């Protein structure tokens, strides 16, 4: 993710019956996102906990474009791909941090706006849909820039939203999150977790 404020690699947990989420650690009574400098460090961290990252593919999450749009949404065009990616990332981040209450409660207007966003039809948003998207993406950007992180964690285990070890059927993936005005890539790698 290329954005403003943070850079590193985060781990996603998904593929099971539960919704995807960004991996988080219980640390000092709060949930913190483990943040790595390289994909190799994230891979080693996951591997030491029995969650190997088998394959890699690179994608880019353009949070900087979303942040620029948020700075002046009246004059700037909506970047549909980056906004869609950011929406999904912010939902996964909120679930991982057990902070879904930090994002607006979503309803029919969000569903309609999301469908239009997915189809690249942002100019067709109603004023209510536009307001709903702005509110959600603004809250998500604030959550990302304010959430506690642990840089290069070494000894804590990756846990799910309830503080339990991961269950069978889930996968763990690493995504590179670069934030300092440069190019970046989201690197995803996943493998199934062994049954208990």
C-alpha atoms as a PDB file:
ATOM      1  CA  UNK A   1       0.000   0.000   0.000  1.00  0.00           C
ATOM      2  CA  UNK A   2       1.436   3.328  -0.970  1.00  0.00           C
ATOM      3  CA  UNK A   3       0.177   5.940   1.437  1.00  0.00           C
ATOM      4  CA  UNK A   4       1.174   8.559   3.933  1.00  0.00           C
ATOM      5  CA  UNK A   5       2.334   7.840   7.477  1.00  0.00           C
ATOM      6  CA  UNK A   6       3.518   4.223   7.727  1.00  0.00           C
ATOM      7  CA  UNK A   7       5.428   1.655   5.816  1.00  0.00           C
ATOM      8  CA  UNK A   8       5.944  -2.036   6.300  1.00  0.00           C
ATOM      9  CA  UNK A   9       4.443  -5.462   5.817  1.00  0.00           C
ATOM     10  CA  UNK A  10       1.325  -6.631   7.633  1.00  0.00           C
ATOM     11  CA  UNK A  11      -0.170 -10.132   7.860  1.00  0.00           C
ATOM     12  CA  UNK A  12      -3.712 -10.999   6.806  1.00  0.00           C
ATOM     13  CA  UNK A  13      -5.644 -14.005   8.097  1.00  0.00           C
ATOM     14  CA  UNK A  14      -8.400 -15.447   5.963  1.00  0.00           C
ATOM     15  CA  UNK A  15      -9.750 -18.247   3.880  1.00  0.00           C
ATOM     16  CA  UNK A  16     -11.810 -19.945   6.571  1.00  0.00           C
ATOM     17  CA  UNK A  17     -15.403 -19.464   7.632  1.00  0.00           C
ATOM     18  CA  UNK A  18     -14.617 -16.203   9.411  1.00  0.00           C
ATOM     19  CA  UNK A  19     -14.240 -12.894   7.516  1.00  0.00           C
ATOM     20  CA  UNK A  20     -10.688 -11.899   6.558  1.00  0.00           C
ATOM     21  CA  UNK A  21      -8.834  -9.674   8.983  1.00  0.00           C
ATOM     22  CA  UNK A  22      -5.453  -8.101   9.510  1.00  0.00           C
ATOM     23  CA  UNK A  23      -3.441 -10.092  12.054  1.00  0.00           C
ATOM     24  CA  UNK A  24      -3.159  -8.404  15.440  1.00  0.00           C
ATOM     25  CA  UNK A  25      -1.456  -9.186  18.724  1.00  0.00           C
ATOM     26  CA  UNK A  26      -2.748  -8.743  22.244  1.00  0.00           C
ATOM     27  CA  UNK A  27      -0.210  -6.372  23.780  1.00  0.00           C
ATOM     28  CA  UNK A  28      -0.663  -4.491  27.058  1.00  0.00           C
ATOM     29  CA  UNK A  29      -4.457  -4.779  27.070  1.00  0.00           C
ATOM     30  CA  UNK A  30      -4.909  -3.612  23.470  1.00  0.00           C
ATOM     31  CA  UNK A  31      -4.617  -5.083  19.986  1.00  0.00           C
ATOM     32  CA  UNK A  32      -1.587  -4.081  17.936  1.00  0.00           C
ATOM     33  CA  UNK A  33      -0.753  -4.724  14.293  1.00  0.00           C
ATOM     34  CA  UNK A  34       2.593  -6.473  13.753  1.00  0.00           C
ATOM     35  CA  UNK A  35       4.494  -4.398  11.186  1.00  0.00           C
ATOM     36  CA  UNK A  36       7.567  -5.711   9.379  1.00  0.00           C
ATOM     37  CA  UNK A  37      10.193  -3.976   7.289  1.00  0.00           C
ATOM     38  CA  UNK A  38      10.358  -6.739   4.657  1.00  0.00           C
ATOM     39  CA  UNK A  39       8.229  -9.584   3.380  1.00  0.00           C
ATOM     40  CA  UNK A  40      11.063 -11.927   4.359  1.00  0.00           C
ATOM     41  CA  UNK A  41      10.748 -10.849   8.013  1.00  0.00           C
ATOM     42  CA  UNK A  42       6.978 -11.385   7.929  1.00  0.00           C
ATOM     43  CA  UNK A  43       7.452 -14.799   6.304  1.00  0.00           C
ATOM     44  CA  UNK A  44      10.005 -15.834   8.958  1.00  0.00           C
ATOM     45  CA  UNK A  45       7.726 -14.591  11.753  1.00  0.00           C
ATOM     46  CA  UNK A  46       4.744 -16.558  10.409  1.00  0.00           C
ATOM     47  CA  UNK A  47       6.890 -19.621   9.736  1.00  0.00           C
ATOM     48  CA  UNK A  48       8.169 -19.710  13.319  1.00  0.00           C
ATOM     49  CA  UNK A  49       4.551 -19.890  14.419  1.00  0.00           C
ATOM     50  CA  UNK A  50       3.746 -22.757  12.063  1.00  0.00           C
ATOM     51  CA  UNK A  51       2.119 -20.653   9.329  1.00  0.00           C
ATOM     52  CA  UNK A  52       4.361 -20.835   6.259  1.00  0.00           C
ATOM     53  CA  UNK A  53       3.747 -18.363   3.436  1.00  0.00           C
ATOM     54  CA  UNK A  54       4.064 -20.553   0.352  1.00  0.00           C
ATOM     55  CA  UNK A  55       3.517 -18.269  -2.649  1.00  0.00           C
ATOM     56  CA  UNK A  56       3.977 -14.576  -3.428  1.00  0.00           C
ATOM     57  CA  UNK A  57       2.240 -12.200  -5.805  1.00  0.00           C
ATOM     58  CA  UNK A  58       2.558  -8.427  -5.784  1.00  0.00           C
ATOM     59  CA  UNK A  59      -0.282  -5.900  -6.026  1.00  0.00           C
ATOM     60  CA  UNK A  60      -0.364  -2.219  -5.207  1.00  0.00           C
ATOM     61  CA  UNK A  61      -2.782  -0.574  -2.797  1.00  0.00           C
ATOM     62  CA  UNK A  62      -2.747   3.145  -3.588  1.00  0.00           C
ATOM     63  CA  UNK A  63      -3.706   4.685  -0.252  1.00  0.00           C
ATOM     64  CA  UNK A  64      -1.879   7.920  -1.179  1.00  0.00           C
ATOM     65  CA  UNK A  65      -4.347   8.438  -4.045  1.00  0.00           C
ATOM     66  CA  UNK A  66      -7.226   7.843  -1.640  1.00  0.00           C
ATOM     67  CA  UNK A  67      -5.758  10.281   0.883  1.00  0.00           C
ATOM     68  CA  UNK A  68      -5.326  12.940  -1.808  1.00  0.00           C
ATOM     69  CA  UNK A  69      -8.946  12.435  -2.861  1.00  0.00           C
ATOM     70  CA  UNK A  70     -10.084  12.728   0.771  1.00  0.00           C
ATOM     71  CA  UNK A  71      -8.184  16.023   1.081  1.00  0.00           C
ATOM     72  CA  UNK A  72     -10.412  17.581  -1.630  1.00  0.00           C
ATOM     73  CA  UNK A  73     -13.238  15.238  -2.668  1.00  0.00           C
ATOM     74  CA  UNK A  74     -15.197  18.005  -4.385  1.00  0.00           C
ATOM     75  CA  UNK A  75     -12.474  18.897  -6.898  1.00  0.00           C
ATOM     76  CA  UNK A  76     -10.752  15.526  -7.285  1.00  0.00           C
ATOM     77  CA  UNK A  77     -12.125  12.498  -9.096  1.00  0.00           C
ATOM     78  CA  UNK A  78     -12.695   9.317  -7.126  1.00  0.00           C
ATOM     79  CA  UNK A  79      -9.929   6.766  -7.817  1.00  0.00           C
ATOM     80  CA  UNK A  80     -12.239   3.692  -7.876  1.00  0.00           C
ATOM     81  CA  UNK A  81      -9.639   0.899  -7.634  1.00  0.00           C
ATOM     82  CA  UNK A  82      -7.684   2.418  -4.745  1.00  0.00           C
ATOM     83  CA  UNK A  83     -10.889   3.382  -2.876  1.00  0.00           C
ATOM     84  CA  UNK A  84     -12.254  -0.164  -3.270  1.00  0.00           C
ATOM     85  CA  UNK A  85      -8.964  -1.664  -2.027  1.00  0.00           C
ATOM     86  CA  UNK A  86      -8.851   0.797   0.880  1.00  0.00           C
ATOM     87  CA  UNK A  87     -12.479   0.013   1.836  1.00  0.00           C
ATOM     88  CA  UNK A  88     -11.676  -3.715   2.005  1.00  0.00           C
ATOM     89  CA  UNK A  89      -8.400  -3.109   3.877  1.00  0.00           C
ATOM     90  CA  UNK A  90     -10.063  -0.859   6.468  1.00  0.00           C
ATOM     91  CA  UNK A  91     -12.783  -3.443   7.160  1.00  0.00           C
ATOM     92  CA  UNK A  92     -10.137  -6.172   7.603  1.00  0.00           C
ATOM     93  CA  UNK A  93      -8.044  -3.868   9.805  1.00  0.00           C
ATOM     94  CA  UNK A  94     -11.033  -3.018  12.024  1.00  0.00           C
ATOM     95  CA  UNK A  95     -11.867  -6.722  12.462  1.00  0.00           C
ATOM     96  CA  UNK A  96      -8.242  -7.556  13.313  1.00  0.00           C
ATOM     97  CA  UNK A  97      -8.041  -4.785  15.886  1.00  0.00           C
ATOM     98  CA  UNK A  98     -11.470  -5.692  17.292  1.00  0.00           C
ATOM     99  CA  UNK A  99     -12.410  -2.093  16.472  1.00  0.00           C
ATOM    100  CA  UNK A 100     -15.328  -2.422  14.059  1.00  0.00           C
ATOM    101  CA  UNK A 101     -17.061   0.294  16.071  1.00  0.00           C
ATOM    102  CA  UNK A 102     -14.432   2.763  14.735  1.00  0.00           C
ATOM    103  CA  UNK A 103     -15.985   2.457  11.271  1.00  0.00           C
ATOM    104  CA  UNK A 104     -19.496   3.681  10.473  1.00  0.00           C
ATOM    105  CA  UNK A 105     -22.236   1.082  10.679  1.00  0.00           C
ATOM    106  CA  UNK A 106     -22.952   0.010   7.109  1.00  0.00           C
ATOM    107  CA  UNK A 107     -26.392  -0.260   5.573  1.00  0.00           C
ATOM    108  CA  UNK A 108     -28.180  -0.270   2.230  1.00  0.00           C
ATOM    109  CA  UNK A 109     -26.627   3.023   1.125  1.00  0.00           C
ATOM    110  CA  UNK A 110     -23.131   1.555   1.655  1.00  0.00           C
ATOM    111  CA  UNK A 111     -24.059  -1.615  -0.234  1.00  0.00           C
ATOM    112  CA  UNK A 112     -25.319   0.415  -3.169  1.00  0.00           C
ATOM    113  CA  UNK A 113     -22.237   2.672  -3.156  1.00  0.00           C
ATOM    114  CA  UNK A 114     -19.928  -0.377  -2.938  1.00  0.00           C
ATOM    115  CA  UNK A 115     -21.622  -2.034  -5.929  1.00  0.00           C
ATOM    116  CA  UNK A 116     -21.197   1.142  -7.986  1.00  0.00           C
ATOM    117  CA  UNK A 117     -17.586   1.462  -6.802  1.00  0.00           C
ATOM    118  CA  UNK A 118     -16.919  -2.163  -7.757  1.00  0.00           C
ATOM    119  CA  UNK A 119     -18.375  -1.500 -11.202  1.00  0.00           C
ATOM    120  CA  UNK A 120     -16.382   1.728 -11.632  1.00  0.00           C
ATOM    121  CA  UNK A 121     -19.588   3.771 -11.616  1.00  0.00           C
ATOM    122  CA  UNK A 122     -18.668   6.329  -8.942  1.00  0.00           C
ATOM    123  CA  UNK A 123     -20.089   9.261 -10.983  1.00  0.00           C
ATOM    124  CA  UNK A 124     -23.483   7.580 -10.486  1.00  0.00           C
ATOM    125  CA  UNK A 125     -23.306   7.839  -6.682  1.00  0.00           C
ATOM    126  CA  UNK A 126     -26.212   9.631  -5.071  1.00  0.00           C
ATOM    127  CA  UNK A 127     -25.297  12.392  -2.593  1.00  0.00           C
ATOM    128  CA  UNK A 128     -26.104   9.970   0.266  1.00  0.00           C
ATOM    129  CA  UNK A 129     -23.861   7.280  -1.218  1.00  0.00           C
ATOM    130  CA  UNK A 130     -21.017   9.758  -1.690  1.00  0.00           C
ATOM    131  CA  UNK A 131     -21.367  10.950   1.930  1.00  0.00           C
ATOM    132  CA  UNK A 132     -21.411   7.343   3.182  1.00  0.00           C
ATOM    133  CA  UNK A 133     -18.243   6.467   1.257  1.00  0.00           C
ATOM    134  CA  UNK A 134     -16.431   9.608   2.413  1.00  0.00           C
ATOM    135  CA  UNK A 135     -17.396   8.922   6.025  1.00  0.00           C
ATOM    136  CA  UNK A 136     -16.282   5.281   5.890  1.00  0.00           C
ATOM    137  CA  UNK A 137     -13.002   5.896   4.040  1.00  0.00           C
ATOM    138  CA  UNK A 138     -12.133   8.862   6.281  1.00  0.00           C
ATOM    139  CA  UNK A 139     -12.774   6.759   9.409  1.00  0.00           C
ATOM    140  CA  UNK A 140     -10.710   3.898   7.959  1.00  0.00           C
ATOM    141  CA  UNK A 141      -7.780   6.181   7.121  1.00  0.00           C
ATOM    142  CA  UNK A 142      -7.885   7.558  10.661  1.00  0.00           C
ATOM    143  CA  UNK A 143      -7.974   4.016  12.072  1.00  0.00           C
ATOM    144  CA  UNK A 144      -4.922   3.029   9.996  1.00  0.00           C
ATOM    145  CA  UNK A 145      -2.849   6.067  10.947  1.00  0.00           C
ATOM    146  CA  UNK A 146      -3.776   5.836  14.643  1.00  0.00           C
ATOM    147  CA  UNK A 147      -3.762   2.086  15.315  1.00  0.00           C
ATOM    148  CA  UNK A 148      -0.979   0.771  17.526  1.00  0.00           C
ATOM    149  CA  UNK A 149       1.696  -1.233  15.756  1.00  0.00           C
ATOM    150  CA  UNK A 150       4.576  -3.412  16.884  1.00  0.00           C
ATOM    151  CA  UNK A 151       7.511  -2.963  14.552  1.00  0.00           C
ATOM    152  CA  UNK A 152       9.366  -6.200  13.811  1.00  0.00           C
ATOM    153  CA  UNK A 153       7.742  -8.321  16.540  1.00  0.00           C
ATOM    154  CA  UNK A 154       9.831 -11.276  17.601  1.00  0.00           C
ATOM    155  CA  UNK A 155       8.175 -13.223  20.399  1.00  0.00           C
ATOM    156  CA  UNK A 156       4.412 -12.638  20.349  1.00  0.00           C
ATOM    157  CA  UNK A 157       2.151 -15.121  18.594  1.00  0.00           C
ATOM    158  CA  UNK A 158      -0.210 -14.118  15.815  1.00  0.00           C
ATOM    159  CA  UNK A 159      -3.706 -14.317  17.288  1.00  0.00           C
ATOM    160  CA  UNK A 160      -7.203 -13.914  15.958  1.00  0.00           C
ATOM    161  CA  UNK A 161      -9.670 -11.223  17.044  1.00  0.00           C
ATOM    162  CA  UNK A 162     -10.591 -13.179  20.186  1.00  0.00           C
ATOM    163  CA  UNK A 163      -7.022 -13.712  21.333  1.00  0.00           C
ATOM    164  CA  UNK A 164      -6.974 -17.389  20.299  1.00  0.00           C
ATOM    165  CA  UNK A 165      -4.444 -19.178  18.112  1.00  0.00           C
ATOM    166  CA  UNK A 166      -5.513 -19.551  14.481  1.00  0.00           C
ATOM    167  CA  UNK A 167      -7.802 -22.421  13.562  1.00  0.00           C
ATOM    168  CA  UNK A 168      -7.673 -24.845  10.650  1.00  0.00           C
ATOM    169  CA  UNK A 169      -9.098 -23.640   7.354  1.00  0.00           C
ATOM    170  CA  UNK A 170      -7.604 -20.166   7.600  1.00  0.00           C
ATOM    171  CA  UNK A 171      -4.652 -18.843   5.649  1.00  0.00           C
ATOM    172  CA  UNK A 172      -2.079 -16.264   6.570  1.00  0.00           C
ATOM    173  CA  UNK A 173      -0.758 -13.833   3.996  1.00  0.00           C
ATOM    174  CA  UNK A 174       1.741 -10.994   4.039  1.00  0.00           C
ATOM    175  CA  UNK A 175       1.072  -7.691   2.354  1.00  0.00           C
ATOM    176  CA  UNK A 176       3.605  -4.962   1.945  1.00  0.00           C
ATOM    177  CA  UNK A 177       2.366  -1.605   3.136  1.00  0.00           C
ATOM    178  CA  UNK A 178       4.585   1.259   2.015  1.00  0.00           C
ATOM    179  CA  UNK A 179       3.636   4.690   3.130  1.00  0.00           C
ATOM    180  CA  UNK A 180       6.407   7.190   2.559  1.00  0.00           C
ATOM    181  CA  UNK A 181       5.628   8.819  -0.784  1.00  0.00           C
ATOM    182  CA  UNK A 182       7.398   6.070  -2.801  1.00  0.00           C
ATOM    183  CA  UNK A 183       6.240   3.129  -4.836  1.00  0.00           C
ATOM    184  CA  UNK A 184       4.947   0.120  -3.014  1.00  0.00           C
ATOM    185  CA  UNK A 185       3.416  -3.247  -3.441  1.00  0.00           C
ATOM    186  CA  UNK A 186       1.016  -5.404  -1.537  1.00  0.00           C
ATOM    187  CA  UNK A 187       2.616  -8.807  -1.433  1.00  0.00           C
ATOM    188  CA  UNK A 188       0.230 -11.614  -0.724  1.00  0.00           C
ATOM    189  CA  UNK A 189       1.327 -15.096   0.129  1.00  0.00           C
ATOM    190  CA  UNK A 190      -0.827 -17.787   1.635  1.00  0.00           C
ATOM    191  CA  UNK A 191      -0.883 -21.375   2.788  1.00  0.00           C
ATOM    192  CA  UNK A 192      -3.480 -23.383   4.674  1.00  0.00           C
ATOM    193  CA  UNK A 193      -2.998 -23.878   8.380  1.00  0.00           C
ATOM    194  CA  UNK A 194      -2.745 -27.413   9.651  1.00  0.00           C
ATOM    195  CA  UNK A 195      -5.771 -28.780  11.492  1.00  0.00           C
ATOM    196  CA  UNK A 196      -5.452 -28.926  15.289  1.00  0.00           C
END
